Amino acid sequence: MNFHRPIRVLIFWSRISGYMAASWKRLERFDDIDLIVVAWSVSAANDNVAFDESIVDGLDCHLYPPNVVPVPELQQLGNRIGPDIVVVPGWIHSNHRKLASELKLRCAC
C-alpha cells in the first residue's frame, strides 16, 4: 500500500492491560500511523484487574464499561475516521466483528 497520509488504525479491544498499552504507545510513535483504540474500562470493582486506566494516557483511547459495545456510536467513529486497518480482539466479541465487517464493506480497498 502506498499512502500519502498516515495509515489510520482502529483497534477494538477488550480490557486494557499494561502490555497492550505499551504496544499501542509504541505503535503510535510511528509518524505514519494514526491510532485510535476502543477498549473496556477496568474500573469496575468486580473486574479483578490491577491496571490503572492512566496507562492509556496520551493515547486516543475511548473507554467504555466492561462488555459494553455502543455499536451506533462506534459506527459513527469508524465512518468519521475511515480506518485503513481494523483490529479486533477475537471472534468471540460479536459486536466487534460486526463493526469490523461493516467498516470493511465501506473500505475502498
PDB file of N, CA and C in Angstrom:
ATOM      1  N   MET A   1       0.834  -1.182   0.000  1.00  0.00           N
ATOM      2  CA  MET A   1       0.000   0.000   0.000  1.00  0.00           C
ATOM      3  C   MET A   1       0.876   1.241   0.000  1.00  0.00           C
ATOM      4  N   ASN A   2       0.491   2.200  -0.789  1.00  0.00           N
ATOM      5  CA  ASN A   2       1.217   3.454  -0.849  1.00  0.00           C
ATOM      6  C   ASN A   2       0.301   4.559  -0.357  1.00  0.00           C
ATOM      7  N   PHE A   3       0.549   5.028   0.840  1.00  0.00           N
ATOM      8  CA  PHE A   3      -0.293   6.053   1.439  1.00  0.00           C
ATOM      9  C   PHE A   3       0.409   7.402   1.388  1.00  0.00           C
ATOM     10  N   HIS A   4      -0.355   8.434   1.122  1.00  0.00           N
ATOM     11  CA  HIS A   4       0.176   9.797   1.147  1.00  0.00           C
ATOM     12  C   HIS A   4      -0.226  10.493   2.431  1.00  0.00           C
ATOM     13  N   ARG A   5      -0.836   9.751   3.310  1.00  0.00           N
ATOM     14  CA  ARG A   5      -1.250  10.248   4.610  1.00  0.00           C
ATOM     15  C   ARG A   5      -0.969   9.131   5.605  1.00  0.00           C
ATOM     16  N   PRO A   6      -1.008   9.440   6.892  1.00  0.00           N
ATOM     17  CA  PRO A   6      -0.786   8.365   7.869  1.00  0.00           C
ATOM     18  C   PRO A   6      -1.824   7.246   7.723  1.00  0.00           C
ATOM     19  N   ILE A   7      -1.409   6.040   8.008  1.00  0.00           N
ATOM     20  CA  ILE A   7      -2.310   4.883   7.998  1.00  0.00           C
ATOM     21  C   ILE A   7      -3.188   4.981   9.242  1.00  0.00           C
ATOM     22  N   ARG A   8      -4.477   4.902   9.043  1.00  0.00           N
ATOM     23  CA  ARG A   8      -5.425   5.004  10.160  1.00  0.00           C
ATOM     24  C   ARG A   8      -5.724   3.601  10.692  1.00  0.00           C
ATOM     25  N   VAL A   9      -5.361   3.395  11.950  1.00  0.00           N
ATOM     26  CA  VAL A   9      -5.549   2.096  12.587  1.00  0.00           C
ATOM     27  C   VAL A   9      -6.579   2.253  13.703  1.00  0.00           C
ATOM     28  N   LEU A  10      -7.641   1.469  13.627  1.00  0.00           N
ATOM     29  CA  LEU A  10      -8.685   1.456  14.652  1.00  0.00           C
ATOM     30  C   LEU A  10      -8.644   0.094  15.334  1.00  0.00           C
ATOM     31  N   ILE A  11      -8.430   0.115  16.644  1.00  0.00           N
ATOM     32  CA  ILE A  11      -8.358  -1.125  17.407  1.00  0.00           C
ATOM     33  C   ILE A  11      -9.566  -1.209  18.324  1.00  0.00           C
ATOM     34  N   PHE A  12     -10.354  -2.271  18.162  1.00  0.00           N
ATOM     35  CA  PHE A  12     -11.408  -2.612  19.109  1.00  0.00           C
ATOM     36  C   PHE A  12     -10.808  -3.661  20.032  1.00  0.00           C
ATOM     37  N   TRP A  13     -10.753  -3.381  21.335  1.00  0.00           N
ATOM     38  CA  TRP A  13     -10.119  -4.312  22.258  1.00  0.00           C
ATOM     39  C   TRP A  13     -11.048  -4.604  23.420  1.00  0.00           C
ATOM     40  N   SER A  14     -10.706  -5.614  24.192  1.00  0.00           N
ATOM     41  CA  SER A  14     -11.484  -5.877  25.400  1.00  0.00           C
ATOM     42  C   SER A  14     -10.877  -5.024  26.517  1.00  0.00           C
ATOM     43  N   ARG A  15     -10.496  -5.578  27.613  1.00  0.00           N
ATOM     44  CA  ARG A  15      -9.964  -4.785  28.726  1.00  0.00           C
ATOM     45  C   ARG A  15      -8.521  -4.351  28.474  1.00  0.00           C
ATOM     46  N   ILE A  16      -8.228  -3.126  28.911  1.00  0.00           N
ATOM     47  CA  ILE A  16      -6.862  -2.629  28.776  1.00  0.00           C
ATOM     48  C   ILE A  16      -5.937  -3.405  29.715  1.00  0.00           C
ATOM     49  N   SER A  17      -4.681  -3.438  29.341  1.00  0.00           N
ATOM     50  CA  SER A  17      -3.660  -4.084  30.162  1.00  0.00           C
ATOM     51  C   SER A  17      -2.344  -3.354  29.937  1.00  0.00           C
ATOM     52  N   GLY A  18      -1.410  -3.590  30.808  1.00  0.00           N
ATOM     53  CA  GLY A  18      -0.123  -2.921  30.697  1.00  0.00           C
ATOM     54  C   GLY A  18       0.615  -3.251  29.420  1.00  0.00           C
ATOM     55  N   TYR A  19       0.626  -4.529  29.046  1.00  0.00           N
ATOM     56  CA  TYR A  19       1.370  -4.913  27.845  1.00  0.00           C
ATOM     57  C   TYR A  19       0.709  -4.377  26.579  1.00  0.00           C
ATOM     58  N   MET A  20      -0.638  -4.314  26.554  1.00  0.00           N
ATOM     59  CA  MET A  20      -1.295  -3.771  25.363  1.00  0.00           C
ATOM     60  C   MET A  20      -1.109  -2.257  25.293  1.00  0.00           C
ATOM     61  N   ALA A  21      -1.205  -1.575  26.425  1.00  0.00           N
ATOM     62  CA  ALA A  21      -0.983  -0.122  26.437  1.00  0.00           C
ATOM     63  C   ALA A  21       0.428   0.198  25.951  1.00  0.00           C
ATOM     64  N   ALA A  22       1.411  -0.585  26.386  1.00  0.00           N
ATOM     65  CA  ALA A  22       2.790  -0.370  25.932  1.00  0.00           C
ATOM     66  C   ALA A  22       2.908  -0.605  24.430  1.00  0.00           C
ATOM     67  N   SER A  23       2.242  -1.629  23.933  1.00  0.00           N
ATOM     68  CA  SER A  23       2.266  -1.921  22.491  1.00  0.00           C
ATOM     69  C   SER A  23       1.633  -0.789  21.702  1.00  0.00           C
ATOM     70  N   TRP A  24       0.484  -0.312  22.174  1.00  0.00           N
ATOM     71  CA  TRP A  24      -0.210   0.771  21.470  1.00  0.00           C
ATOM     72  C   TRP A  24       0.620   2.050  21.484  1.00  0.00           C
ATOM     73  N   LYS A  25       1.256   2.336  22.616  1.00  0.00           N
ATOM     74  CA  LYS A  25       2.086   3.547  22.699  1.00  0.00           C
ATOM     75  C   LYS A  25       3.281   3.457  21.753  1.00  0.00           C
ATOM     76  N   ARG A  26       3.846   2.281  21.623  1.00  0.00           N
ATOM     77  CA  ARG A  26       4.971   2.102  20.688  1.00  0.00           C
ATOM     78  C   ARG A  26       4.500   2.271  19.247  1.00  0.00           C
ATOM     79  N   LEU A  27       3.357   1.697  18.937  1.00  0.00           N
ATOM     80  CA  LEU A  27       2.798   1.814  17.594  1.00  0.00           C
ATOM     81  C   LEU A  27       2.483   3.268  17.253  1.00  0.00           C
ATOM     82  N   GLU A  28       1.964   3.984  18.217  1.00  0.00           N
ATOM     83  CA  GLU A  28       1.588   5.379  17.987  1.00  0.00           C
ATOM     84  C   GLU A  28       2.798   6.276  17.720  1.00  0.00           C
ATOM     85  N   ARG A  29       3.958   5.857  18.124  1.00  0.00           N
ATOM     86  CA  ARG A  29       5.158   6.672  17.916  1.00  0.00           C
ATOM     87  C   ARG A  29       5.569   6.772  16.454  1.00  0.00           C
ATOM     88  N   PHE A  30       5.067   5.891  15.608  1.00  0.00           N
ATOM     89  CA  PHE A  30       5.387   5.969  14.186  1.00  0.00           C
ATOM     90  C   PHE A  30       4.653   7.157  13.567  1.00  0.00           C
ATOM     91  N   ASP A  31       5.388   7.986  12.834  1.00  0.00           N
ATOM     92  CA  ASP A  31       4.799   9.176  12.222  1.00  0.00           C
ATOM     93  C   ASP A  31       3.728   8.849  11.195  1.00  0.00           C
ATOM     94  N   ASP A  32       3.826   7.679  10.595  1.00  0.00           N
ATOM     95  CA  ASP A  32       2.893   7.356   9.516  1.00  0.00           C
ATOM     96  C   ASP A  32       1.696   6.524   9.987  1.00  0.00           C
ATOM     97  N   ILE A  33       1.415   6.565  11.308  1.00  0.00           N
ATOM     98  CA  ILE A  33       0.264   5.836  11.851  1.00  0.00           C
ATOM     99  C   ILE A  33      -0.565   6.756  12.728  1.00  0.00           C
ATOM    100  N   ASP A  34      -1.866   6.800  12.447  1.00  0.00           N
ATOM    101  CA  ASP A  34      -2.842   7.439  13.329  1.00  0.00           C
ATOM    102  C   ASP A  34      -3.577   6.314  14.034  1.00  0.00           C
ATOM    103  N   LEU A  35      -3.480   6.267  15.356  1.00  0.00           N
ATOM    104  CA  LEU A  35      -4.025   5.157  16.124  1.00  0.00           C
ATOM    105  C   LEU A  35      -5.193   5.611  16.979  1.00  0.00           C
ATOM    106  N   ILE A  36      -6.271   4.851  16.918  1.00  0.00           N
ATOM    107  CA  ILE A  36      -7.428   5.052  17.783  1.00  0.00           C
ATOM    108  C   ILE A  36      -7.749   3.707  18.408  1.00  0.00           C
ATOM    109  N   VAL A  37      -7.904   3.690  19.733  1.00  0.00           N
ATOM    110  CA  VAL A  37      -8.200   2.461  20.454  1.00  0.00           C
ATOM    111  C   VAL A  37      -9.550   2.611  21.143  1.00  0.00           C
ATOM    112  N   VAL A  38     -10.369   1.576  21.020  1.00  0.00           N
ATOM    113  CA  VAL A  38     -11.644   1.492  21.732  1.00  0.00           C
ATOM    114  C   VAL A  38     -11.539   0.253  22.615  1.00  0.00           C
ATOM    115  N   ALA A  39     -11.675   0.441  23.927  1.00  0.00           N
ATOM    116  CA  ALA A  39     -11.490  -0.685  24.852  1.00  0.00           C
ATOM    117  C   ALA A  39     -12.446  -0.575  26.029  1.00  0.00           C
ATOM    118  N   TRP A  40     -12.479  -1.659  26.798  1.00  0.00           N
ATOM    119  CA  TRP A  40     -13.307  -1.659  28.000  1.00  0.00           C
ATOM    120  C   TRP A  40     -12.509  -1.144  29.184  1.00  0.00           C
ATOM    121  N   SER A  41     -13.184  -0.407  30.001  1.00  0.00           N
ATOM    122  CA  SER A  41     -12.636   0.113  31.238  1.00  0.00           C
ATOM    123  C   SER A  41     -12.356  -1.036  32.206  1.00  0.00           C
ATOM    124  N   VAL A  42     -11.441  -0.828  33.111  1.00  0.00           N
ATOM    125  CA  VAL A  42     -11.178  -1.824  34.155  1.00  0.00           C
ATOM    126  C   VAL A  42     -11.483  -1.246  35.527  1.00  0.00           C
ATOM    127  N   SER A  43     -12.313  -0.238  35.562  1.00  0.00           N
ATOM    128  CA  SER A  43     -12.567   0.451  36.824  1.00  0.00           C
ATOM    129  C   SER A  43     -13.621  -0.231  37.687  1.00  0.00           C
ATOM    130  N   ALA A  44     -14.363  -1.185  37.154  1.00  0.00           N
ATOM    131  CA  ALA A  44     -15.388  -1.855  37.954  1.00  0.00           C
ATOM    132  C   ALA A  44     -14.729  -2.709  39.031  1.00  0.00           C
ATOM    133  N   ALA A  45     -15.258  -2.652  40.224  1.00  0.00           N
ATOM    134  CA  ALA A  45     -14.662  -3.361  41.352  1.00  0.00           C
ATOM    135  C   ALA A  45     -14.608  -4.869  41.126  1.00  0.00           C
ATOM    136  N   ASN A  46     -15.527  -5.417  40.370  1.00  0.00           N
ATOM    137  CA  ASN A  46     -15.556  -6.869  40.166  1.00  0.00           C
ATOM    138  C   ASN A  46     -14.679  -7.333  39.009  1.00  0.00           C
ATOM    139  N   ASP A  47     -13.908  -6.438  38.421  1.00  0.00           N
ATOM    140  CA  ASP A  47     -13.047  -6.812  37.302  1.00  0.00           C
ATOM    141  C   ASP A  47     -11.843  -7.652  37.722  1.00  0.00           C
ATOM    142  N   ASN A  48     -11.374  -7.454  38.946  1.00  0.00           N
ATOM    143  CA  ASN A  48     -10.173  -8.145  39.424  1.00  0.00           C
ATOM    144  C   ASN A  48      -8.987  -7.905  38.497  1.00  0.00           C
ATOM    145  N   VAL A  49      -8.897  -6.716  37.995  1.00  0.00           N
ATOM    146  CA  VAL A  49      -7.800  -6.341  37.102  1.00  0.00           C
ATOM    147  C   VAL A  49      -7.009  -5.240  37.787  1.00  0.00           C
ATOM    148  N   ALA A  50      -5.705  -5.390  37.844  1.00  0.00           N
ATOM    149  CA  ALA A  50      -4.866  -4.474  38.611  1.00  0.00           C
ATOM    150  C   ALA A  50      -4.246  -3.374  37.764  1.00  0.00           C
ATOM    151  N   PHE A  51      -4.937  -2.926  36.723  1.00  0.00           N
ATOM    152  CA  PHE A  51      -4.376  -1.871  35.883  1.00  0.00           C
ATOM    153  C   PHE A  51      -5.107  -0.568  36.129  1.00  0.00           C
ATOM    154  N   ASP A  52      -4.340   0.486  36.301  1.00  0.00           N
ATOM    155  CA  ASP A  52      -4.897   1.822  36.434  1.00  0.00           C
ATOM    156  C   ASP A  52      -5.164   2.337  35.024  1.00  0.00           C
ATOM    157  N   GLU A  53      -6.307   2.948  34.824  1.00  0.00           N
ATOM    158  CA  GLU A  53      -6.654   3.418  33.480  1.00  0.00           C
ATOM    159  C   GLU A  53      -5.711   4.493  32.949  1.00  0.00           C
ATOM    160  N   SER A  54      -4.903   5.065  33.815  1.00  0.00           N
ATOM    161  CA  SER A  54      -3.947   6.073  33.345  1.00  0.00           C
ATOM    162  C   SER A  54      -2.873   5.461  32.443  1.00  0.00           C
ATOM    163  N   ILE A  55      -2.801   4.132  32.362  1.00  0.00           N
ATOM    164  CA  ILE A  55      -1.805   3.519  31.473  1.00  0.00           C
ATOM    165  C   ILE A  55      -2.079   3.833  30.007  1.00  0.00           C
ATOM    166  N   VAL A  56      -3.285   4.290  29.693  1.00  0.00           N
ATOM    167  CA  VAL A  56      -3.579   4.656  28.305  1.00  0.00           C
ATOM    168  C   VAL A  56      -3.545   6.169  28.095  1.00  0.00           C
ATOM    169  N   ASP A  57      -3.114   6.912  29.123  1.00  0.00           N
ATOM    170  CA  ASP A  57      -2.974   8.363  28.964  1.00  0.00           C
ATOM    171  C   ASP A  57      -2.049   8.661  27.792  1.00  0.00           C
ATOM    172  N   GLY A  58      -2.407   9.648  27.018  1.00  0.00           N
ATOM    173  CA  GLY A  58      -1.613  10.036  25.860  1.00  0.00           C
ATOM    174  C   GLY A  58      -2.050   9.359  24.581  1.00  0.00           C
ATOM    175  N   LEU A  59      -2.889   8.339  24.696  1.00  0.00           N
ATOM    176  CA  LEU A  59      -3.417   7.654  23.511  1.00  0.00           C
ATOM    177  C   LEU A  59      -4.805   8.198  23.189  1.00  0.00           C
ATOM    178  N   ASP A  60      -5.195   8.088  21.935  1.00  0.00           N
ATOM    179  CA  ASP A  60      -6.578   8.377  21.563  1.00  0.00           C
ATOM    180  C   ASP A  60      -7.357   7.106  21.883  1.00  0.00           C
ATOM    181  N   CYS A  61      -7.720   6.957  23.153  1.00  0.00           N
ATOM    182  CA  CYS A  61      -8.338   5.731  23.652  1.00  0.00           C
ATOM    183  C   CYS A  61      -9.710   6.061  24.232  1.00  0.00           C
ATOM    184  N   HIS A  62     -10.719   5.386  23.731  1.00  0.00           N
ATOM    185  CA  HIS A  62     -12.095   5.563  24.180  1.00  0.00           C
ATOM    186  C   HIS A  62     -12.450   4.366  25.061  1.00  0.00           C
ATOM    187  N   LEU A  63     -12.705   4.616  26.348  1.00  0.00           N
ATOM    188  CA  LEU A  63     -13.003   3.538  27.283  1.00  0.00           C
ATOM    189  C   LEU A  63     -14.503   3.469  27.570  1.00  0.00           C
ATOM    190  N   TYR A  64     -15.017   2.257  27.602  1.00  0.00           N
ATOM    191  CA  TYR A  64     -16.433   2.010  27.872  1.00  0.00           C
ATOM    192  C   TYR A  64     -16.544   1.009  29.013  1.00  0.00           C
ATOM    193  N   PRO A  65     -17.704   0.962  29.673  1.00  0.00           N
ATOM    194  CA  PRO A  65     -17.890  -0.027  30.735  1.00  0.00           C
ATOM    195  C   PRO A  65     -17.679  -1.440  30.195  1.00  0.00           C
ATOM    196  N   PRO A  66     -17.245  -2.354  31.068  1.00  0.00           N
ATOM    197  CA  PRO A  66     -16.986  -3.726  30.626  1.00  0.00           C
ATOM    198  C   PRO A  66     -18.166  -4.340  29.890  1.00  0.00           C
ATOM    199  N   ASN A  67     -17.838  -5.019  28.802  1.00  0.00           N
ATOM    200  CA  ASN A  67     -18.796  -5.731  27.955  1.00  0.00           C
ATOM    201  C   ASN A  67     -19.806  -4.832  27.249  1.00  0.00           C
ATOM    202  N   VAL A  68     -19.569  -3.538  27.242  1.00  0.00           N
ATOM    203  CA  VAL A  68     -20.435  -2.614  26.515  1.00  0.00           C
ATOM    204  C   VAL A  68     -19.771  -2.263  25.190  1.00  0.00           C
ATOM    205  N   VAL A  69     -20.509  -2.445  24.123  1.00  0.00           N
ATOM    206  CA  VAL A  69     -20.038  -2.056  22.795  1.00  0.00           C
ATOM    207  C   VAL A  69     -21.136  -1.176  22.201  1.00  0.00           C
ATOM    208  N   PRO A  70     -20.987   0.154  22.327  1.00  0.00           N
ATOM    209  CA  PRO A  70     -22.013   1.057  21.811  1.00  0.00           C
ATOM    210  C   PRO A  70     -21.953   1.120  20.280  1.00  0.00           C
ATOM    211  N   VAL A  71     -22.588   0.155  19.648  1.00  0.00           N
ATOM    212  CA  VAL A  71     -22.463  -0.037  18.204  1.00  0.00           C
ATOM    213  C   VAL A  71     -22.740   1.241  17.408  1.00  0.00           C
ATOM    214  N   PRO A  72     -23.878   1.939  17.610  1.00  0.00           N
ATOM    215  CA  PRO A  72     -24.115   3.144  16.795  1.00  0.00           C
ATOM    216  C   PRO A  72     -23.016   4.204  16.956  1.00  0.00           C
ATOM    217  N   GLU A  73     -22.567   4.394  18.183  1.00  0.00           N
ATOM    218  CA  GLU A  73     -21.510   5.384  18.436  1.00  0.00           C
ATOM    219  C   GLU A  73     -20.207   4.981  17.755  1.00  0.00           C
ATOM    220  N   LEU A  74     -19.882   3.693  17.812  1.00  0.00           N
ATOM    221  CA  LEU A  74     -18.641   3.222  17.194  1.00  0.00           C
ATOM    222  C   LEU A  74     -18.744   3.176  15.673  1.00  0.00           C
ATOM    223  N   GLN A  75     -19.943   2.953  15.143  1.00  0.00           N
ATOM    224  CA  GLN A  75     -20.144   3.044  13.696  1.00  0.00           C
ATOM    225  C   GLN A  75     -19.858   4.474  13.232  1.00  0.00           C
ATOM    226  N   GLN A  76     -20.339   5.450  13.987  1.00  0.00           N
ATOM    227  CA  GLN A  76     -20.078   6.856  13.642  1.00  0.00           C
ATOM    228  C   GLN A  76     -18.585   7.162  13.705  1.00  0.00           C
ATOM    229  N   LEU A  77     -17.919   6.671  14.741  1.00  0.00           N
ATOM    230  CA  LEU A  77     -16.477   6.878  14.862  1.00  0.00           C
ATOM    231  C   LEU A  77     -15.760   6.275  13.660  1.00  0.00           C
ATOM    232  N   GLY A  78     -16.094   5.036  13.332  1.00  0.00           N
ATOM    233  CA  GLY A  78     -15.467   4.371  12.192  1.00  0.00           C
ATOM    234  C   GLY A  78     -15.721   5.100  10.889  1.00  0.00           C
ATOM    235  N   ASN A  79     -16.942   5.556  10.684  1.00  0.00           N
ATOM    236  CA  ASN A  79     -17.277   6.297   9.463  1.00  0.00           C
ATOM    237  C   ASN A  79     -16.523   7.620   9.400  1.00  0.00           C
ATOM    238  N   ARG A  80     -16.364   8.260  10.566  1.00  0.00           N
ATOM    239  CA  ARG A  80     -15.697   9.564  10.606  1.00  0.00           C
ATOM    240  C   ARG A  80     -14.207   9.445  10.292  1.00  0.00           C
ATOM    241  N   ILE A  81     -13.546   8.429  10.858  1.00  0.00           N
ATOM    242  CA  ILE A  81     -12.101   8.341  10.656  1.00  0.00           C
ATOM    243  C   ILE A  81     -11.714   7.529   9.426  1.00  0.00           C
ATOM    244  N   GLY A  82     -12.599   6.660   8.941  1.00  0.00           N
ATOM    245  CA  GLY A  82     -12.285   5.851   7.764  1.00  0.00           C
ATOM    246  C   GLY A  82     -11.010   5.063   7.919  1.00  0.00           C
ATOM    247  N   PRO A  83     -10.969   4.095   8.851  1.00  0.00           N
ATOM    248  CA  PRO A  83      -9.723   3.378   9.111  1.00  0.00           C
ATOM    249  C   PRO A  83      -9.261   2.552   7.916  1.00  0.00           C
ATOM    250  N   ASP A  84      -7.949   2.441   7.798  1.00  0.00           N
ATOM    251  CA  ASP A  84      -7.342   1.573   6.797  1.00  0.00           C
ATOM    252  C   ASP A  84      -7.181   0.161   7.343  1.00  0.00           C
ATOM    253  N   ILE A  85      -7.000   0.079   8.658  1.00  0.00           N
ATOM    254  CA  ILE A  85      -6.814  -1.201   9.339  1.00  0.00           C
ATOM    255  C   ILE A  85      -7.725  -1.217  10.560  1.00  0.00           C
ATOM    256  N   VAL A  86      -8.450  -2.335  10.747  1.00  0.00           N
ATOM    257  CA  VAL A  86      -9.279  -2.530  11.933  1.00  0.00           C
ATOM    258  C   VAL A  86      -8.808  -3.802  12.614  1.00  0.00           C
ATOM    259  N   VAL A  87      -8.527  -3.714  13.902  1.00  0.00           N
ATOM    260  CA  VAL A  87      -8.069  -4.849  14.686  1.00  0.00           C
ATOM    261  C   VAL A  87      -9.147  -5.194  15.708  1.00  0.00           C
ATOM    262  N   VAL A  88      -9.502  -6.474  15.795  1.00  0.00           N
ATOM    263  CA  VAL A  88     -10.474  -6.932  16.795  1.00  0.00           C
ATOM    264  C   VAL A  88      -9.793  -7.971  17.693  1.00  0.00           C
ATOM    265  N   PRO A  89     -10.254  -8.090  18.965  1.00  0.00           N
ATOM    266  CA  PRO A  89      -9.579  -8.978  19.907  1.00  0.00           C
ATOM    267  C   PRO A  89      -9.854 -10.457  19.694  1.00  0.00           C
ATOM    268  N   GLY A  90     -10.747 -10.806  18.836  1.00  0.00           N
ATOM    269  CA  GLY A  90     -11.011 -12.218  18.589  1.00  0.00           C
ATOM    270  C   GLY A  90     -12.433 -12.434  18.106  1.00  0.00           C
ATOM    271  N   TRP A  91     -12.712 -13.655  17.741  1.00  0.00           N
ATOM    272  CA  TRP A  91     -14.005 -13.990  17.157  1.00  0.00           C
ATOM    273  C   TRP A  91     -15.137 -13.973  18.172  1.00  0.00           C
ATOM    274  N   ILE A  92     -14.831 -14.061  19.463  1.00  0.00           N
ATOM    275  CA  ILE A  92     -15.876 -14.203  20.476  1.00  0.00           C
ATOM    276  C   ILE A  92     -16.679 -12.911  20.692  1.00  0.00           C
ATOM    277  N   HIS A  93     -16.143 -11.770  20.340  1.00  0.00           N
ATOM    278  CA  HIS A  93     -16.821 -10.492  20.539  1.00  0.00           C
ATOM    279  C   HIS A  93     -17.635 -10.159  19.286  1.00  0.00           C
ATOM    280  N   SER A  94     -18.874 -10.578  19.264  1.00  0.00           N
ATOM    281  CA  SER A  94     -19.685 -10.464  18.049  1.00  0.00           C
ATOM    282  C   SER A  94     -19.895  -9.020  17.602  1.00  0.00           C
ATOM    283  N   ASN A  95     -20.064  -8.092  18.536  1.00  0.00           N
ATOM    284  CA  ASN A  95     -20.254  -6.696  18.130  1.00  0.00           C
ATOM    285  C   ASN A  95     -18.993  -6.114  17.504  1.00  0.00           C
ATOM    286  N   HIS A  96     -17.831  -6.505  18.005  1.00  0.00           N
ATOM    287  CA  HIS A  96     -16.576  -6.050  17.389  1.00  0.00           C
ATOM    288  C   HIS A  96     -16.457  -6.601  15.971  1.00  0.00           C
ATOM    289  N   ARG A  97     -16.788  -7.887  15.795  1.00  0.00           N
ATOM    290  CA  ARG A  97     -16.742  -8.483  14.448  1.00  0.00           C
ATOM    291  C   ARG A  97     -17.706  -7.768  13.513  1.00  0.00           C
ATOM    292  N   LYS A  98     -18.896  -7.482  14.003  1.00  0.00           N
ATOM    293  CA  LYS A  98     -19.903  -6.793  13.182  1.00  0.00           C
ATOM    294  C   LYS A  98     -19.382  -5.422  12.740  1.00  0.00           C
ATOM    295  N   LEU A  99     -18.815  -4.676  13.671  1.00  0.00           N
ATOM    296  CA  LEU A  99     -18.282  -3.351  13.333  1.00  0.00           C
ATOM    297  C   LEU A  99     -17.154  -3.457  12.304  1.00  0.00           C
ATOM    298  N   ALA A 100     -16.249  -4.399  12.494  1.00  0.00           N
ATOM    299  CA  ALA A 100     -15.147  -4.568  11.546  1.00  0.00           C
ATOM    300  C   ALA A 100     -15.673  -4.949  10.172  1.00  0.00           C
ATOM    301  N   SER A 101     -16.653  -5.823  10.110  1.00  0.00           N
ATOM    302  CA  SER A 101     -17.230  -6.231   8.825  1.00  0.00           C
ATOM    303  C   SER A 101     -17.905  -5.058   8.115  1.00  0.00           C
ATOM    304  N   GLU A 102     -18.654  -4.263   8.873  1.00  0.00           N
ATOM    305  CA  GLU A 102     -19.316  -3.096   8.275  1.00  0.00           C
ATOM    306  C   GLU A 102     -18.302  -2.095   7.753  1.00  0.00           C
ATOM    307  N   LEU A 103     -17.217  -1.895   8.503  1.00  0.00           N
ATOM    308  CA  LEU A 103     -16.196  -0.955   8.041  1.00  0.00           C
ATOM    309  C   LEU A 103     -15.485  -1.470   6.797  1.00  0.00           C
ATOM    310  N   LYS A 104     -15.281  -2.781   6.710  1.00  0.00           N
ATOM    311  CA  LYS A 104     -14.650  -3.351   5.528  1.00  0.00           C
ATOM    312  C   LYS A 104     -15.518  -3.143   4.286  1.00  0.00           C
ATOM    313  N   LEU A 105     -16.825  -3.259   4.444  1.00  0.00           N
ATOM    314  CA  LEU A 105     -17.723  -3.055   3.316  1.00  0.00           C
ATOM    315  C   LEU A 105     -17.650  -1.624   2.779  1.00  0.00           C
ATOM    316  N   ARG A 106     -17.304  -0.687   3.663  1.00  0.00           N
ATOM    317  CA  ARG A 106     -17.204   0.720   3.247  1.00  0.00           C
ATOM    318  C   ARG A 106     -15.816   1.073   2.724  1.00  0.00           C
ATOM    319  N   CYS A 107     -14.865   0.177   2.943  1.00  0.00           N
ATOM    320  CA  CYS A 107     -13.477   0.428   2.567  1.00  0.00           C
ATOM    321  C   CYS A 107     -13.320   0.373   1.042  1.00  0.00           C
ATOM    322  N   ALA A 108     -12.481   1.240   0.548  1.00  0.00           N
ATOM    323  CA  ALA A 108     -12.212   1.259  -0.902  1.00  0.00           C
ATOM    324  C   ALA A 108     -10.980   0.435  -1.231  1.00  0.00           C
ATOM    325  N   CYS A 109     -10.716  -0.630  -0.448  1.00  0.00           N
ATOM    326  CA  CYS A 109      -9.514  -1.440  -0.667  1.00  0.00           C
ATOM    327  C   CYS A 109      -9.734  -2.442  -1.776  1.00  0.00           C
TER     328      CYS A 109
END
